[in-house]
């Protein structure tokens, strides 16, 4: 939607999320070199962040 020229506000209304969610998603997952948002790159970045998260250790 962004590459079609839609504004963040319009995207937010269309998918039922706040515009801050869209802004955060674009800034977090944008390709730093080309400054473009690509869903497959965003998914890979998300999976990498999940792998890098510290594991929860329970002492019960």
N, C-alpha and C. Protein backbone atom coordinates (compact mmCIF):
# COMPACT_ATOMS: atom_id res chain seq x y z
N UNK A 1 0.81 -1.19 0.00
CA UNK A 1 0.00 0.00 0.00
C UNK A 1 0.86 1.27 0.00
N UNK A 2 1.95 1.20 0.74
CA UNK A 2 2.84 2.37 0.82
C UNK A 2 3.43 2.68 -0.55
N UNK A 3 3.83 1.64 -1.29
CA UNK A 3 4.42 1.88 -2.61
C UNK A 3 3.39 2.37 -3.62
N UNK A 4 2.11 2.22 -3.30
CA UNK A 4 1.05 2.72 -4.17
C UNK A 4 0.72 4.18 -3.87
N UNK A 5 1.44 4.76 -2.91
CA UNK A 5 1.26 6.17 -2.61
C UNK A 5 0.29 6.46 -1.47
N UNK A 6 -0.19 5.42 -0.79
CA UNK A 6 -1.09 5.64 0.35
C UNK A 6 -0.33 6.25 1.52
N UNK A 7 -1.00 7.11 2.25
CA UNK A 7 -0.41 7.70 3.44
C UNK A 7 -0.57 6.73 4.61
N UNK A 8 0.27 6.89 5.62
CA UNK A 8 0.22 6.02 6.78
C UNK A 8 -1.16 6.05 7.44
N UNK A 9 -1.77 7.21 7.49
CA UNK A 9 -3.10 7.36 8.08
C UNK A 9 -4.13 6.52 7.32
N UNK A 10 -4.05 6.54 5.99
CA UNK A 10 -4.98 5.77 5.16
C UNK A 10 -4.78 4.27 5.35
N UNK A 11 -3.52 3.85 5.43
CA UNK A 11 -3.21 2.44 5.65
C UNK A 11 -3.78 1.99 7.00
N UNK A 12 -3.59 2.83 8.02
CA UNK A 12 -4.08 2.51 9.37
C UNK A 12 -5.60 2.34 9.37
N UNK A 13 -6.30 3.24 8.71
CA UNK A 13 -7.76 3.14 8.65
C UNK A 13 -8.19 1.87 7.92
N UNK A 14 -7.49 1.56 6.84
CA UNK A 14 -7.85 0.40 6.02
C UNK A 14 -7.70 -0.92 6.78
N UNK A 15 -6.64 -1.04 7.60
CA UNK A 15 -6.41 -2.31 8.30
C UNK A 15 -6.87 -2.28 9.76
N UNK A 16 -7.42 -1.15 10.20
CA UNK A 16 -7.99 -1.07 11.54
C UNK A 16 -6.97 -0.98 12.66
N UNK A 17 -5.85 -0.33 12.40
CA UNK A 17 -4.81 -0.12 13.42
C UNK A 17 -4.56 1.37 13.57
N UNK A 18 -3.91 1.73 14.68
CA UNK A 18 -3.56 3.13 14.90
C UNK A 18 -2.41 3.51 13.97
N UNK A 19 -2.36 4.79 13.60
CA UNK A 19 -1.30 5.24 12.68
C UNK A 19 0.08 5.09 13.28
N UNK A 20 0.19 5.10 14.62
CA UNK A 20 1.50 4.91 15.26
C UNK A 20 2.03 3.50 15.04
N UNK A 21 1.13 2.52 14.93
CA UNK A 21 1.54 1.14 14.66
C UNK A 21 2.17 1.05 13.28
N UNK A 22 1.56 1.72 12.32
CA UNK A 22 2.07 1.72 10.95
C UNK A 22 3.42 2.41 10.90
N UNK A 23 3.53 3.55 11.56
CA UNK A 23 4.79 4.28 11.60
C UNK A 23 5.91 3.44 12.21
N UNK A 24 5.60 2.78 13.32
CA UNK A 24 6.60 1.95 14.00
C UNK A 24 7.02 0.77 13.12
N UNK A 25 6.05 0.13 12.47
CA UNK A 25 6.34 -1.00 11.59
C UNK A 25 7.24 -0.58 10.43
N UNK A 26 6.95 0.55 9.83
CA UNK A 26 7.75 1.02 8.70
C UNK A 26 9.16 1.40 9.13
N UNK A 27 9.28 2.08 10.27
CA UNK A 27 10.62 2.49 10.70
C UNK A 27 11.44 1.31 11.19
N UNK A 28 10.79 0.34 11.82
CA UNK A 28 11.51 -0.82 12.35
C UNK A 28 11.96 -1.76 11.24
N UNK A 29 11.17 -1.89 10.20
CA UNK A 29 11.42 -2.93 9.21
C UNK A 29 11.75 -2.41 7.82
N UNK A 30 12.03 -1.16 7.69
CA UNK A 30 12.39 -0.58 6.41
C UNK A 30 13.82 -0.99 6.04
N UNK A 31 14.05 -1.24 4.77
CA UNK A 31 15.41 -1.53 4.29
C UNK A 31 16.21 -0.24 4.40
N UNK A 32 17.29 -0.27 5.16
CA UNK A 32 18.05 0.95 5.45
C UNK A 32 18.75 1.53 4.22
N UNK A 33 19.11 0.68 3.28
CA UNK A 33 19.80 1.18 2.08
C UNK A 33 18.84 1.83 1.09
N UNK A 34 17.78 1.12 0.76
CA UNK A 34 16.85 1.64 -0.25
C UNK A 34 15.71 2.45 0.35
N UNK A 35 15.56 2.41 1.69
CA UNK A 35 14.48 3.10 2.39
C UNK A 35 13.10 2.64 1.91
N UNK A 36 13.00 1.36 1.54
CA UNK A 36 11.73 0.79 1.10
C UNK A 36 11.28 -0.26 2.10
N UNK A 37 9.96 -0.41 2.25
CA UNK A 37 9.40 -1.45 3.10
C UNK A 37 9.11 -2.66 2.23
N UNK A 38 9.60 -3.80 2.65
CA UNK A 38 9.33 -5.06 1.95
C UNK A 38 8.87 -6.07 2.98
N UNK A 39 7.72 -6.69 2.73
CA UNK A 39 7.12 -7.61 3.70
C UNK A 39 8.03 -8.79 4.00
N UNK A 40 8.69 -9.36 2.98
CA UNK A 40 9.55 -10.52 3.23
C UNK A 40 10.75 -10.14 4.10
N UNK A 41 11.30 -8.96 3.89
CA UNK A 41 12.40 -8.49 4.72
C UNK A 41 11.91 -8.25 6.15
N UNK A 42 10.72 -7.66 6.29
CA UNK A 42 10.15 -7.41 7.61
C UNK A 42 9.95 -8.73 8.36
N UNK A 43 9.49 -9.76 7.67
CA UNK A 43 9.28 -11.07 8.29
C UNK A 43 10.61 -11.66 8.75
N UNK A 44 11.64 -11.56 7.93
CA UNK A 44 12.97 -12.09 8.32
C UNK A 44 13.52 -11.34 9.53
N UNK A 45 13.35 -10.01 9.55
CA UNK A 45 13.81 -9.23 10.69
C UNK A 45 13.07 -9.63 11.96
N UNK A 46 11.76 -9.85 11.85
CA UNK A 46 10.96 -10.28 12.99
C UNK A 46 11.46 -11.62 13.52
N UNK A 47 11.67 -12.58 12.62
CA UNK A 47 12.13 -13.90 13.04
C UNK A 47 13.51 -13.82 13.68
N UNK A 48 14.38 -12.96 13.17
CA UNK A 48 15.71 -12.79 13.76
C UNK A 48 15.60 -12.21 15.17
N UNK A 49 14.72 -11.22 15.34
CA UNK A 49 14.53 -10.65 16.67
C UNK A 49 14.00 -11.69 17.65
N UNK A 50 13.12 -12.58 17.17
CA UNK A 50 12.59 -13.63 18.04
C UNK A 50 13.70 -14.61 18.45
N UNK A 51 14.58 -14.94 17.51
CA UNK A 51 15.69 -15.85 17.83
C UNK A 51 16.67 -15.21 18.79
N UNK A 52 16.89 -13.92 18.66
CA UNK A 52 17.87 -13.21 19.48
C UNK A 52 17.38 -12.87 20.88
N UNK A 53 16.07 -12.99 21.11
CA UNK A 53 15.53 -12.66 22.43
C UNK A 53 16.06 -13.62 23.49
N UNK A 54 16.35 -13.11 24.68
CA UNK A 54 16.79 -14.02 25.74
C UNK A 54 15.66 -14.97 26.12
N UNK A 55 16.02 -16.19 26.41
CA UNK A 55 15.03 -17.20 26.78
C UNK A 55 14.63 -16.99 28.24
N UNK A 56 13.36 -17.21 28.53
CA UNK A 56 12.86 -17.07 29.89
C UNK A 56 13.26 -18.30 30.70
N UNK A 57 13.91 -18.08 31.81
CA UNK A 57 14.32 -19.17 32.69
C UNK A 57 13.48 -19.11 33.95
N UNK A 58 12.85 -20.22 34.27
CA UNK A 58 11.98 -20.27 35.44
C UNK A 58 12.65 -21.06 36.56
N UNK A 59 12.65 -20.50 37.74
CA UNK A 59 13.20 -21.17 38.92
C UNK A 59 12.05 -21.48 39.86
N UNK A 60 11.42 -22.64 39.66
CA UNK A 60 10.31 -22.97 40.55
C UNK A 60 10.56 -24.24 41.33
